């Protein structure tokens, strides 16, 4: 059963760390012990066979999708991963398929993974259904706690099983196609799909729409890496807007700044300087400093930390 390490392939920002800091002030890592995913737990016994009800109830009570990776200092297998093993052994394919519609999202996700591990022929259909749903599942992978759309753990579980065969695995190719052509796909899944392979001309119009109509950052980065010259003007416009977006984290914006600088266009000088006056960089950030000259900017024009 495939779980260990699956979140390494995701564009995941960990919400908390297991490491404790010796500090009198409250730190985020001190708060994680008080997280209670049970407070919004849903118990759905509809269409749950009698012999599975205790497993489903126990899984619903914890209300979190856990991998087999325990937190810091953990010895025992995480409880809901143990419940997953029980469900895998006890449920038939038909029962698992029904449970993918359970209103508790941990049950739904675990059931989908168990089903597709038993019989991969279900994967593409179940994944398509999950892509079209907006439910969020609480997740824990070792010390990392997060929330994900339910299609994401299902994708990462399969990805982990074929990670040494990404380019040629037909099922993964089909999942990536579903992601690119589904308007409800998360940015994390789009990032995975665009990192897996280079796409043929049949995908071109859809990728253009994702980048320039829906402003999906993974599509913008993909076109920058693969078709920079063809879409140069439109891409630079997207990056200039990204640098002005106050909702993006500073670290992410500086990564996009590096992409923006790679166009080596002095006409972008004022946009870049305006951004750097708000989000100053460190003197050791060579990818940024190295490209300033080609964009008409002298290093002594910018504030450094």
C-alpha atoms as a PDB file:
ATOM      1  CA  UNK A   1       0.000   0.000   0.000  1.00  0.00           C
ATOM      2  CA  UNK A   2       1.493   3.283  -1.127  1.00  0.00           C
ATOM      3  CA  UNK A   3       1.562   6.259   1.165  1.00  0.00           C
ATOM      4  CA  UNK A   4       5.042   7.097   2.457  1.00  0.00           C
ATOM      5  CA  UNK A   5       6.421  10.250   0.911  1.00  0.00           C
ATOM      6  CA  UNK A   6       3.510  11.029  -1.389  1.00  0.00           C
ATOM      7  CA  UNK A   7       3.270  14.640  -0.313  1.00  0.00           C
ATOM      8  CA  UNK A   8       6.816  15.295  -1.520  1.00  0.00           C
ATOM      9  CA  UNK A   9       5.448  15.576  -5.059  1.00  0.00           C
ATOM     10  CA  UNK A  10       2.896  18.200  -4.193  1.00  0.00           C
ATOM     11  CA  UNK A  11       3.134  21.964  -4.279  1.00  0.00           C
ATOM     12  CA  UNK A  12       2.443  21.931  -0.570  1.00  0.00           C
ATOM     13  CA  UNK A  13       3.253  24.644   1.913  1.00  0.00           C
ATOM     14  CA  UNK A  14       3.403  23.002   5.327  1.00  0.00           C
ATOM     15  CA  UNK A  15       1.259  24.790   7.829  1.00  0.00           C
ATOM     16  CA  UNK A  16       3.168  23.718  10.887  1.00  0.00           C
ATOM     17  CA  UNK A  17       6.386  22.054  11.988  1.00  0.00           C
ATOM     18  CA  UNK A  18       6.837  19.318  14.580  1.00  0.00           C
ATOM     19  CA  UNK A  19       9.967  20.974  15.887  1.00  0.00           C
ATOM     20  CA  UNK A  20       9.519  22.770  19.196  1.00  0.00           C
ATOM     21  CA  UNK A  21      11.349  26.027  19.875  1.00  0.00           C
ATOM     22  CA  UNK A  22      12.591  27.110  23.275  1.00  0.00           C
ATOM     23  CA  UNK A  23      10.799  30.426  23.386  1.00  0.00           C
ATOM     24  CA  UNK A  24       8.568  32.017  25.959  1.00  0.00           C
ATOM     25  CA  UNK A  25       6.435  33.489  23.204  1.00  0.00           C
ATOM     26  CA  UNK A  26       3.759  31.308  21.585  1.00  0.00           C
ATOM     27  CA  UNK A  27       4.959  29.830  18.298  1.00  0.00           C
ATOM     28  CA  UNK A  28       2.919  28.187  15.565  1.00  0.00           C
ATOM     29  CA  UNK A  29       4.415  24.776  16.278  1.00  0.00           C
ATOM     30  CA  UNK A  30       3.032  24.955  19.828  1.00  0.00           C
ATOM     31  CA  UNK A  31      -0.468  25.333  18.453  1.00  0.00           C
ATOM     32  CA  UNK A  32      -0.462  22.212  16.308  1.00  0.00           C
ATOM     33  CA  UNK A  33      -0.904  19.961  19.336  1.00  0.00           C
ATOM     34  CA  UNK A  34      -4.242  21.669  19.898  1.00  0.00           C
ATOM     35  CA  UNK A  35      -5.562  21.146  16.387  1.00  0.00           C
ATOM     36  CA  UNK A  36      -8.779  19.206  16.581  1.00  0.00           C
ATOM     37  CA  UNK A  37     -10.000  17.816  13.285  1.00  0.00           C
ATOM     38  CA  UNK A  38     -12.832  16.041  15.075  1.00  0.00           C
ATOM     39  CA  UNK A  39     -14.742  19.270  15.616  1.00  0.00           C
ATOM     40  CA  UNK A  40     -16.068  19.279  12.048  1.00  0.00           C
ATOM     41  CA  UNK A  41     -16.269  15.507  11.620  1.00  0.00           C
ATOM     42  CA  UNK A  42     -19.164  14.148   9.575  1.00  0.00           C
ATOM     43  CA  UNK A  43     -20.635  10.720  10.308  1.00  0.00           C
ATOM     44  CA  UNK A  44     -22.317   9.161   7.297  1.00  0.00           C
ATOM     45  CA  UNK A  45     -23.581   5.608   7.773  1.00  0.00           C
ATOM     46  CA  UNK A  46     -25.718   5.624   4.634  1.00  0.00           C
ATOM     47  CA  UNK A  47     -24.842   2.697   2.358  1.00  0.00           C
ATOM     48  CA  UNK A  48     -22.211   1.458   4.819  1.00  0.00           C
ATOM     49  CA  UNK A  49     -22.433  -2.350   5.270  1.00  0.00           C
ATOM     50  CA  UNK A  50     -22.736  -3.552   8.842  1.00  0.00           C
ATOM     51  CA  UNK A  51     -19.333  -5.252   8.874  1.00  0.00           C
ATOM     52  CA  UNK A  52     -17.636  -1.954   7.879  1.00  0.00           C
ATOM     53  CA  UNK A  53     -19.506   0.417  10.176  1.00  0.00           C
ATOM     54  CA  UNK A  54     -17.049   0.380  13.061  1.00  0.00           C
ATOM     55  CA  UNK A  55     -14.106   1.034  10.735  1.00  0.00           C
ATOM     56  CA  UNK A  56     -15.944   3.865   8.999  1.00  0.00           C
ATOM     57  CA  UNK A  57     -17.051   5.346  12.326  1.00  0.00           C
ATOM     58  CA  UNK A  58     -13.515   5.216  13.739  1.00  0.00           C
ATOM     59  CA  UNK A  59     -12.105   6.752  10.563  1.00  0.00           C
ATOM     60  CA  UNK A  60     -14.750   9.474  10.583  1.00  0.00           C
ATOM     61  CA  UNK A  61     -14.085  10.248  14.245  1.00  0.00           C
ATOM     62  CA  UNK A  62     -10.447  11.097  13.515  1.00  0.00           C
ATOM     63  CA  UNK A  63     -11.530  12.998  10.404  1.00  0.00           C
ATOM     64  CA  UNK A  64      -8.045  13.240   8.912  1.00  0.00           C
ATOM     65  CA  UNK A  65      -6.258  11.596   6.020  1.00  0.00           C
ATOM     66  CA  UNK A  66      -2.977  10.308   7.465  1.00  0.00           C
ATOM     67  CA  UNK A  67      -0.125   8.658   5.622  1.00  0.00           C
ATOM     68  CA  UNK A  68       1.926   5.966   7.316  1.00  0.00           C
ATOM     69  CA  UNK A  69       4.508   8.582   8.330  1.00  0.00           C
ATOM     70  CA  UNK A  70       4.072   9.392  12.008  1.00  0.00           C
ATOM     71  CA  UNK A  71       4.956  12.708  13.591  1.00  0.00           C
ATOM     72  CA  UNK A  72       8.164  13.491  15.436  1.00  0.00           C
ATOM     73  CA  UNK A  73       9.071  10.695  17.844  1.00  0.00           C
ATOM     74  CA  UNK A  74       6.132   8.543  16.744  1.00  0.00           C
ATOM     75  CA  UNK A  75       6.533   4.795  17.196  1.00  0.00           C
ATOM     76  CA  UNK A  76       3.090   3.482  16.357  1.00  0.00           C
ATOM     77  CA  UNK A  77       1.405   3.662  12.954  1.00  0.00           C
ATOM     78  CA  UNK A  78      -0.947   6.676  12.687  1.00  0.00           C
ATOM     79  CA  UNK A  79      -4.429   5.652  13.749  1.00  0.00           C
ATOM     80  CA  UNK A  80      -6.270   6.471  10.567  1.00  0.00           C
ATOM     81  CA  UNK A  81      -3.673   4.767   8.423  1.00  0.00           C
ATOM     82  CA  UNK A  82      -4.313   1.679  10.556  1.00  0.00           C
ATOM     83  CA  UNK A  83      -8.026   2.111   9.902  1.00  0.00           C
ATOM     84  CA  UNK A  84      -7.236   2.334   6.195  1.00  0.00           C
ATOM     85  CA  UNK A  85      -5.469  -1.034   6.343  1.00  0.00           C
ATOM     86  CA  UNK A  86      -8.500  -2.549   8.033  1.00  0.00           C
ATOM     87  CA  UNK A  87     -10.815  -1.078   5.404  1.00  0.00           C
ATOM     88  CA  UNK A  88      -8.596  -2.337   2.598  1.00  0.00           C
ATOM     89  CA  UNK A  89      -8.742  -5.892   3.916  1.00  0.00           C
ATOM     90  CA  UNK A  90     -12.428  -5.960   4.874  1.00  0.00           C
ATOM     91  CA  UNK A  91     -14.193  -4.193   1.996  1.00  0.00           C
ATOM     92  CA  UNK A  92     -14.981  -5.474  -1.484  1.00  0.00           C
ATOM     93  CA  UNK A  93     -14.404  -3.392  -4.594  1.00  0.00           C
ATOM     94  CA  UNK A  94     -18.127  -2.669  -4.867  1.00  0.00           C
ATOM     95  CA  UNK A  95     -18.281  -1.551  -1.227  1.00  0.00           C
ATOM     96  CA  UNK A  96     -15.249   0.691  -1.631  1.00  0.00           C
ATOM     97  CA  UNK A  97     -16.728   2.263  -4.744  1.00  0.00           C
ATOM     98  CA  UNK A  98     -19.870   3.147  -2.787  1.00  0.00           C
ATOM     99  CA  UNK A  99     -17.771   4.574   0.053  1.00  0.00           C
ATOM    100  CA  UNK A 100     -16.016   6.999  -2.295  1.00  0.00           C
ATOM    101  CA  UNK A 101     -19.241   9.011  -2.032  1.00  0.00           C
ATOM    102  CA  UNK A 102     -19.222   9.032   1.765  1.00  0.00           C
ATOM    103  CA  UNK A 103     -19.822  12.490   3.205  1.00  0.00           C
ATOM    104  CA  UNK A 104     -16.809  12.189   5.477  1.00  0.00           C
ATOM    105  CA  UNK A 105     -13.913  13.168   3.236  1.00  0.00           C
ATOM    106  CA  UNK A 106     -11.283  11.051   5.008  1.00  0.00           C
ATOM    107  CA  UNK A 107     -13.472   7.983   4.409  1.00  0.00           C
ATOM    108  CA  UNK A 108     -14.057   9.024   0.804  1.00  0.00           C
ATOM    109  CA  UNK A 109     -10.356   9.477   0.050  1.00  0.00           C
ATOM    110  CA  UNK A 110      -9.183   6.328   1.823  1.00  0.00           C
ATOM    111  CA  UNK A 111     -11.874   4.307   0.051  1.00  0.00           C
ATOM    112  CA  UNK A 112     -10.824   5.659  -3.345  1.00  0.00           C
ATOM    113  CA  UNK A 113      -7.179   4.812  -2.711  1.00  0.00           C
ATOM    114  CA  UNK A 114      -8.003   1.336  -1.426  1.00  0.00           C
ATOM    115  CA  UNK A 115     -10.249   0.697  -4.427  1.00  0.00           C
ATOM    116  CA  UNK A 116      -7.739   1.851  -7.024  1.00  0.00           C
ATOM    117  CA  UNK A 117      -4.925  -0.086  -5.386  1.00  0.00           C
ATOM    118  CA  UNK A 118      -7.033  -3.230  -5.550  1.00  0.00           C
ATOM    119  CA  UNK A 119      -8.119  -2.546  -9.118  1.00  0.00           C
ATOM    120  CA  UNK A 120      -6.467   0.342 -11.058  1.00  0.00           C
ATOM    121  CA  UNK A 121      -9.158   0.184 -13.742  1.00  0.00           C
ATOM    122  CA  UNK A 122     -11.339   2.334 -11.442  1.00  0.00           C
ATOM    123  CA  UNK A 123      -8.763   5.089 -11.073  1.00  0.00           C
ATOM    124  CA  UNK A 124      -9.485   7.328 -14.031  1.00  0.00           C
ATOM    125  CA  UNK A 125     -13.250   7.429 -13.449  1.00  0.00           C
ATOM    126  CA  UNK A 126     -12.981   7.988  -9.705  1.00  0.00           C
ATOM    127  CA  UNK A 127     -10.294  10.634 -10.196  1.00  0.00           C
ATOM    128  CA  UNK A 128     -12.479  12.485 -12.691  1.00  0.00           C
ATOM    129  CA  UNK A 129     -15.333  12.505 -10.180  1.00  0.00           C
ATOM    130  CA  UNK A 130     -13.009  13.779  -7.447  1.00  0.00           C
ATOM    131  CA  UNK A 131     -11.694  16.548  -9.708  1.00  0.00           C
ATOM    132  CA  UNK A 132     -15.243  17.812 -10.110  1.00  0.00           C
ATOM    133  CA  UNK A 133     -15.795  17.948  -6.367  1.00  0.00           C
ATOM    134  CA  UNK A 134     -14.679  20.834  -4.154  1.00  0.00           C
ATOM    135  CA  UNK A 135     -14.555  19.075  -0.793  1.00  0.00           C
ATOM    136  CA  UNK A 136     -11.473  19.529   1.355  1.00  0.00           C
ATOM    137  CA  UNK A 137      -9.848  16.830   3.469  1.00  0.00           C
ATOM    138  CA  UNK A 138      -7.620  17.427   6.489  1.00  0.00           C
ATOM    139  CA  UNK A 139      -4.249  15.757   5.963  1.00  0.00           C
ATOM    140  CA  UNK A 140      -1.233  14.748   8.005  1.00  0.00           C
ATOM    141  CA  UNK A 141       2.005  13.415   6.549  1.00  0.00           C
ATOM    142  CA  UNK A 142       4.549  13.083   9.341  1.00  0.00           C
ATOM    143  CA  UNK A 143       5.004  16.579  10.740  1.00  0.00           C
ATOM    144  CA  UNK A 144       3.114  18.270   7.926  1.00  0.00           C
ATOM    145  CA  UNK A 145      -0.510  19.244   8.496  1.00  0.00           C
ATOM    146  CA  UNK A 146      -2.531  20.740   5.673  1.00  0.00           C
ATOM    147  CA  UNK A 147      -5.853  20.787   3.855  1.00  0.00           C
ATOM    148  CA  UNK A 148      -6.232  19.492   0.314  1.00  0.00           C
ATOM    149  CA  UNK A 149      -8.907  19.055  -2.304  1.00  0.00           C
ATOM    150  CA  UNK A 150      -9.814  15.395  -2.272  1.00  0.00           C
ATOM    151  CA  UNK A 151      -8.420  14.644  -5.750  1.00  0.00           C
ATOM    152  CA  UNK A 152      -4.893  15.519  -4.599  1.00  0.00           C
ATOM    153  CA  UNK A 153      -4.105  12.615  -2.206  1.00  0.00           C
ATOM    154  CA  UNK A 154      -5.583  10.172  -4.730  1.00  0.00           C
ATOM    155  CA  UNK A 155      -3.307  11.522  -7.471  1.00  0.00           C
ATOM    156  CA  UNK A 156      -0.206  11.575  -5.284  1.00  0.00           C
ATOM    157  CA  UNK A 157      -0.785   8.032  -4.124  1.00  0.00           C
ATOM    158  CA  UNK A 158      -0.768   6.756  -7.698  1.00  0.00           C
ATOM    159  CA  UNK A 159       2.113   9.047  -8.678  1.00  0.00           C
ATOM    160  CA  UNK A 160       4.238   7.552  -5.911  1.00  0.00           C
ATOM    161  CA  UNK A 161       3.635   4.050  -7.263  1.00  0.00           C
ATOM    162  CA  UNK A 162       4.905   4.935 -10.755  1.00  0.00           C
ATOM    163  CA  UNK A 163       7.436   7.666  -9.957  1.00  0.00           C
ATOM    164  CA  UNK A 164      10.207   5.705 -11.690  1.00  0.00           C
ATOM    165  CA  UNK A 165       8.105   5.374 -14.821  1.00  0.00           C
ATOM    166  CA  UNK A 166       6.438   8.781 -15.123  1.00  0.00           C
ATOM    167  CA  UNK A 167       6.967   9.397 -18.815  1.00  0.00           C
ATOM    168  CA  UNK A 168       5.589   6.104 -20.081  1.00  0.00           C
ATOM    169  CA  UNK A 169       2.839   5.235 -17.612  1.00  0.00           C
ATOM    170  CA  UNK A 170      -0.400   5.527 -19.590  1.00  0.00           C
ATOM    171  CA  UNK A 171      -2.676   5.895 -16.563  1.00  0.00           C
ATOM    172  CA  UNK A 172      -0.629   8.799 -15.206  1.00  0.00           C
ATOM    173  CA  UNK A 173      -0.655  10.403 -18.654  1.00  0.00           C
ATOM    174  CA  UNK A 174      -4.443  10.143 -18.661  1.00  0.00           C
ATOM    175  CA  UNK A 175      -4.701  11.631 -15.173  1.00  0.00           C
ATOM    176  CA  UNK A 176      -2.488  14.545 -16.245  1.00  0.00           C
ATOM    177  CA  UNK A 177      -4.716  15.100 -19.272  1.00  0.00           C
ATOM    178  CA  UNK A 178      -7.782  15.151 -17.032  1.00  0.00           C
ATOM    179  CA  UNK A 179      -6.106  17.736 -14.821  1.00  0.00           C
ATOM    180  CA  UNK A 180      -5.199  20.039 -17.706  1.00  0.00           C
ATOM    181  CA  UNK A 181      -8.642  19.886 -19.294  1.00  0.00           C
ATOM    182  CA  UNK A 182     -10.646  20.235 -16.072  1.00  0.00           C
ATOM    183  CA  UNK A 183     -11.479  23.798 -15.061  1.00  0.00           C
ATOM    184  CA  UNK A 184     -11.773  22.716 -11.419  1.00  0.00           C
ATOM    185  CA  UNK A 185      -8.200  21.417 -11.076  1.00  0.00           C
ATOM    186  CA  UNK A 186      -6.147  22.871  -8.246  1.00  0.00           C
ATOM    187  CA  UNK A 187      -2.884  24.708  -8.864  1.00  0.00           C
ATOM    188  CA  UNK A 188      -1.054  21.935  -7.029  1.00  0.00           C
ATOM    189  CA  UNK A 189      -2.316  19.289  -9.438  1.00  0.00           C
ATOM    190  CA  UNK A 190      -1.621  21.527 -12.433  1.00  0.00           C
ATOM    191  CA  UNK A 191       1.932  21.970 -11.224  1.00  0.00           C
ATOM    192  CA  UNK A 192       2.377  18.214 -10.995  1.00  0.00           C
ATOM    193  CA  UNK A 193       0.933  17.649 -14.469  1.00  0.00           C
ATOM    194  CA  UNK A 194       3.117  20.291 -16.101  1.00  0.00           C
ATOM    195  CA  UNK A 195       6.250  19.002 -14.412  1.00  0.00           C
ATOM    196  CA  UNK A 196       5.660  15.440 -15.598  1.00  0.00           C
ATOM    197  CA  UNK A 197       6.051  15.905 -19.347  1.00  0.00           C
ATOM    198  CA  UNK A 198       6.116  18.184 -22.402  1.00  0.00           C
ATOM    199  CA  UNK A 199       2.754  18.333 -24.142  1.00  0.00           C
ATOM    200  CA  UNK A 200       1.932  18.075 -27.823  1.00  0.00           C
ATOM    201  CA  UNK A 201       0.176  20.678 -29.954  1.00  0.00           C
ATOM    202  CA  UNK A 202      -3.197  19.130 -29.128  1.00  0.00           C
ATOM    203  CA  UNK A 203      -2.893  20.652 -25.643  1.00  0.00           C
ATOM    204  CA  UNK A 204      -1.745  24.070 -26.791  1.00  0.00           C
ATOM    205  CA  UNK A 205      -5.054  25.934 -26.854  1.00  0.00           C
ATOM    206  CA  UNK A 206      -6.066  24.620 -23.443  1.00  0.00           C
ATOM    207  CA  UNK A 207      -2.722  25.565 -21.895  1.00  0.00           C
ATOM    208  CA  UNK A 208      -3.021  29.036 -23.429  1.00  0.00           C
ATOM    209  CA  UNK A 209      -6.456  29.415 -21.832  1.00  0.00           C
ATOM    210  CA  UNK A 210      -5.160  28.268 -18.461  1.00  0.00           C
ATOM    211  CA  UNK A 211      -2.316  30.780 -18.610  1.00  0.00           C
ATOM    212  CA  UNK A 212      -3.911  33.863 -20.166  1.00  0.00           C
ATOM    213  CA  UNK A 213      -7.632  33.486 -19.519  1.00  0.00           C
ATOM    214  CA  UNK A 214      -7.605  31.894 -16.082  1.00  0.00           C
ATOM    215  CA  UNK A 215      -4.154  33.155 -15.022  1.00  0.00           C
ATOM    216  CA  UNK A 216      -3.028  29.767 -13.688  1.00  0.00           C
ATOM    217  CA  UNK A 217       0.548  30.151 -12.507  1.00  0.00           C
ATOM    218  CA  UNK A 218       1.652  26.544 -13.300  1.00  0.00           C
ATOM    219  CA  UNK A 219       0.546  27.054 -16.928  1.00  0.00           C
ATOM    220  CA  UNK A 220       2.355  30.397 -17.105  1.00  0.00           C
ATOM    221  CA  UNK A 221       5.555  28.806 -15.838  1.00  0.00           C
ATOM    222  CA  UNK A 222       5.189  25.879 -18.254  1.00  0.00           C
ATOM    223  CA  UNK A 223       4.860  28.228 -21.250  1.00  0.00           C
ATOM    224  CA  UNK A 224       7.818  30.249 -19.973  1.00  0.00           C
ATOM    225  CA  UNK A 225       9.977  27.134 -19.833  1.00  0.00           C
ATOM    226  CA  UNK A 226       8.786  25.593 -23.102  1.00  0.00           C
ATOM    227  CA  UNK A 227       7.490  28.395 -25.366  1.00  0.00           C
ATOM    228  CA  UNK A 228       8.969  31.645 -24.024  1.00  0.00           C
ATOM    229  CA  UNK A 229       9.644  33.297 -27.387  1.00  0.00           C
ATOM    230  CA  UNK A 230       6.215  32.513 -28.835  1.00  0.00           C
ATOM    231  CA  UNK A 231       4.298  33.957 -25.883  1.00  0.00           C
ATOM    232  CA  UNK A 232       6.833  36.551 -24.737  1.00  0.00           C
ATOM    233  CA  UNK A 233       4.543  39.596 -24.632  1.00  0.00           C
ATOM    234  CA  UNK A 234       1.625  37.850 -22.921  1.00  0.00           C
ATOM    235  CA  UNK A 235       3.879  36.102 -20.410  1.00  0.00           C
ATOM    236  CA  UNK A 236       5.590  39.320 -19.350  1.00  0.00           C
ATOM    237  CA  UNK A 237       2.191  40.896 -18.780  1.00  0.00           C
ATOM    238  CA  UNK A 238       1.220  37.969 -16.541  1.00  0.00           C
ATOM    239  CA  UNK A 239       4.413  38.238 -14.477  1.00  0.00           C
ATOM    240  CA  UNK A 240       3.988  41.982 -14.027  1.00  0.00           C
ATOM    241  CA  UNK A 241       0.494  41.347 -12.639  1.00  0.00           C
ATOM    242  CA  UNK A 242       1.799  38.588 -10.373  1.00  0.00           C
ATOM    243  CA  UNK A 243       4.336  40.972  -8.851  1.00  0.00           C
ATOM    244  CA  UNK A 244       1.489  43.365  -8.054  1.00  0.00           C
ATOM    245  CA  UNK A 245      -0.658  40.654  -6.448  1.00  0.00           C
ATOM    246  CA  UNK A 246      -0.687  41.302  -2.700  1.00  0.00           C
ATOM    247  CA  UNK A 247      -2.155  37.854  -2.016  1.00  0.00           C
ATOM    248  CA  UNK A 248       0.971  36.002  -3.156  1.00  0.00           C
ATOM    249  CA  UNK A 249       3.657  35.127  -0.640  1.00  0.00           C
ATOM    250  CA  UNK A 250       6.847  37.122  -0.910  1.00  0.00           C
ATOM    251  CA  UNK A 251       8.963  33.999  -1.440  1.00  0.00           C
ATOM    252  CA  UNK A 252       6.766  32.881  -4.329  1.00  0.00           C
ATOM    253  CA  UNK A 253       6.788  36.339  -5.892  1.00  0.00           C
ATOM    254  CA  UNK A 254      10.574  36.418  -5.830  1.00  0.00           C
ATOM    255  CA  UNK A 255      10.655  33.081  -7.681  1.00  0.00           C
ATOM    256  CA  UNK A 256       8.348  34.590 -10.292  1.00  0.00           C
ATOM    257  CA  UNK A 257      10.581  37.661 -10.413  1.00  0.00           C
ATOM    258  CA  UNK A 258      13.460  35.440 -11.543  1.00  0.00           C
ATOM    259  CA  UNK A 259      11.275  34.175 -14.406  1.00  0.00           C
ATOM    260  CA  UNK A 260      10.288  37.755 -15.266  1.00  0.00           C
ATOM    261  CA  UNK A 261      13.913  38.878 -15.308  1.00  0.00           C
ATOM    262  CA  UNK A 262      14.804  36.053 -17.694  1.00  0.00           C
ATOM    263  CA  UNK A 263      13.103  37.951 -20.542  1.00  0.00           C
ATOM    264  CA  UNK A 264      15.992  40.470 -20.382  1.00  0.00           C
ATOM    265  CA  UNK A 265      13.734  43.359 -21.293  1.00  0.00           C
ATOM    266  CA  UNK A 266      14.775  46.875 -20.146  1.00  0.00           C
ATOM    267  CA  UNK A 267      11.174  47.990 -20.747  1.00  0.00           C
ATOM    268  CA  UNK A 268      10.295  46.087 -17.561  1.00  0.00           C
ATOM    269  CA  UNK A 269      12.717  48.198 -15.527  1.00  0.00           C
ATOM    270  CA  UNK A 270      10.173  50.388 -13.715  1.00  0.00           C
ATOM    271  CA  UNK A 271       7.896  47.441 -12.866  1.00  0.00           C
ATOM    272  CA  UNK A 272      10.802  45.523 -11.351  1.00  0.00           C
ATOM    273  CA  UNK A 273      12.110  48.501  -9.387  1.00  0.00           C
ATOM    274  CA  UNK A 274       8.658  49.283  -8.004  1.00  0.00           C
ATOM    275  CA  UNK A 275       8.380  45.714  -6.773  1.00  0.00           C
ATOM    276  CA  UNK A 276      11.874  45.649  -5.241  1.00  0.00           C
ATOM    277  CA  UNK A 277      11.155  48.812  -3.285  1.00  0.00           C
ATOM    278  CA  UNK A 278       8.320  46.961  -1.544  1.00  0.00           C
ATOM    279  CA  UNK A 279       9.890  43.513  -1.209  1.00  0.00           C
ATOM    280  CA  UNK A 280      13.611  43.982  -0.790  1.00  0.00           C
ATOM    281  CA  UNK A 281      15.964  41.114  -1.533  1.00  0.00           C
ATOM    282  CA  UNK A 282      19.003  39.724   0.236  1.00  0.00           C
ATOM    283  CA  UNK A 283      22.500  40.459  -1.028  1.00  0.00           C
ATOM    284  CA  UNK A 284      23.130  36.759  -1.642  1.00  0.00           C
ATOM    285  CA  UNK A 285      20.183  36.273  -3.990  1.00  0.00           C
ATOM    286  CA  UNK A 286      22.362  35.876  -7.059  1.00  0.00           C
ATOM    287  CA  UNK A 287      19.676  34.698  -9.519  1.00  0.00           C
ATOM    288  CA  UNK A 288      18.011  38.090  -9.097  1.00  0.00           C
ATOM    289  CA  UNK A 289      21.104  40.284  -8.839  1.00  0.00           C
ATOM    290  CA  UNK A 290      22.781  38.579 -11.784  1.00  0.00           C
ATOM    291  CA  UNK A 291      19.913  39.437 -14.154  1.00  0.00           C
ATOM    292  CA  UNK A 292      19.294  43.045 -13.152  1.00  0.00           C
ATOM    293  CA  UNK A 293      21.747  44.537 -15.659  1.00  0.00           C
ATOM    294  CA  UNK A 294      20.053  42.857 -18.621  1.00  0.00           C
ATOM    295  CA  UNK A 295      16.813  44.521 -17.539  1.00  0.00           C
ATOM    296  CA  UNK A 296      18.351  47.999 -17.435  1.00  0.00           C
ATOM    297  CA  UNK A 297      18.846  48.096 -13.657  1.00  0.00           C
ATOM    298  CA  UNK A 298      22.042  48.867 -11.788  1.00  0.00           C
ATOM    299  CA  UNK A 299      22.512  46.941  -8.494  1.00  0.00           C
ATOM    300  CA  UNK A 300      23.036  50.200  -6.619  1.00  0.00           C
ATOM    301  CA  UNK A 301      19.493  51.253  -7.559  1.00  0.00           C
ATOM    302  CA  UNK A 302      17.846  48.644  -5.375  1.00  0.00           C
ATOM    303  CA  UNK A 303      17.602  48.312  -1.595  1.00  0.00           C
ATOM    304  CA  UNK A 304      19.270  45.211  -0.140  1.00  0.00           C
ATOM    305  CA  UNK A 305      18.909  43.495   3.210  1.00  0.00           C
END
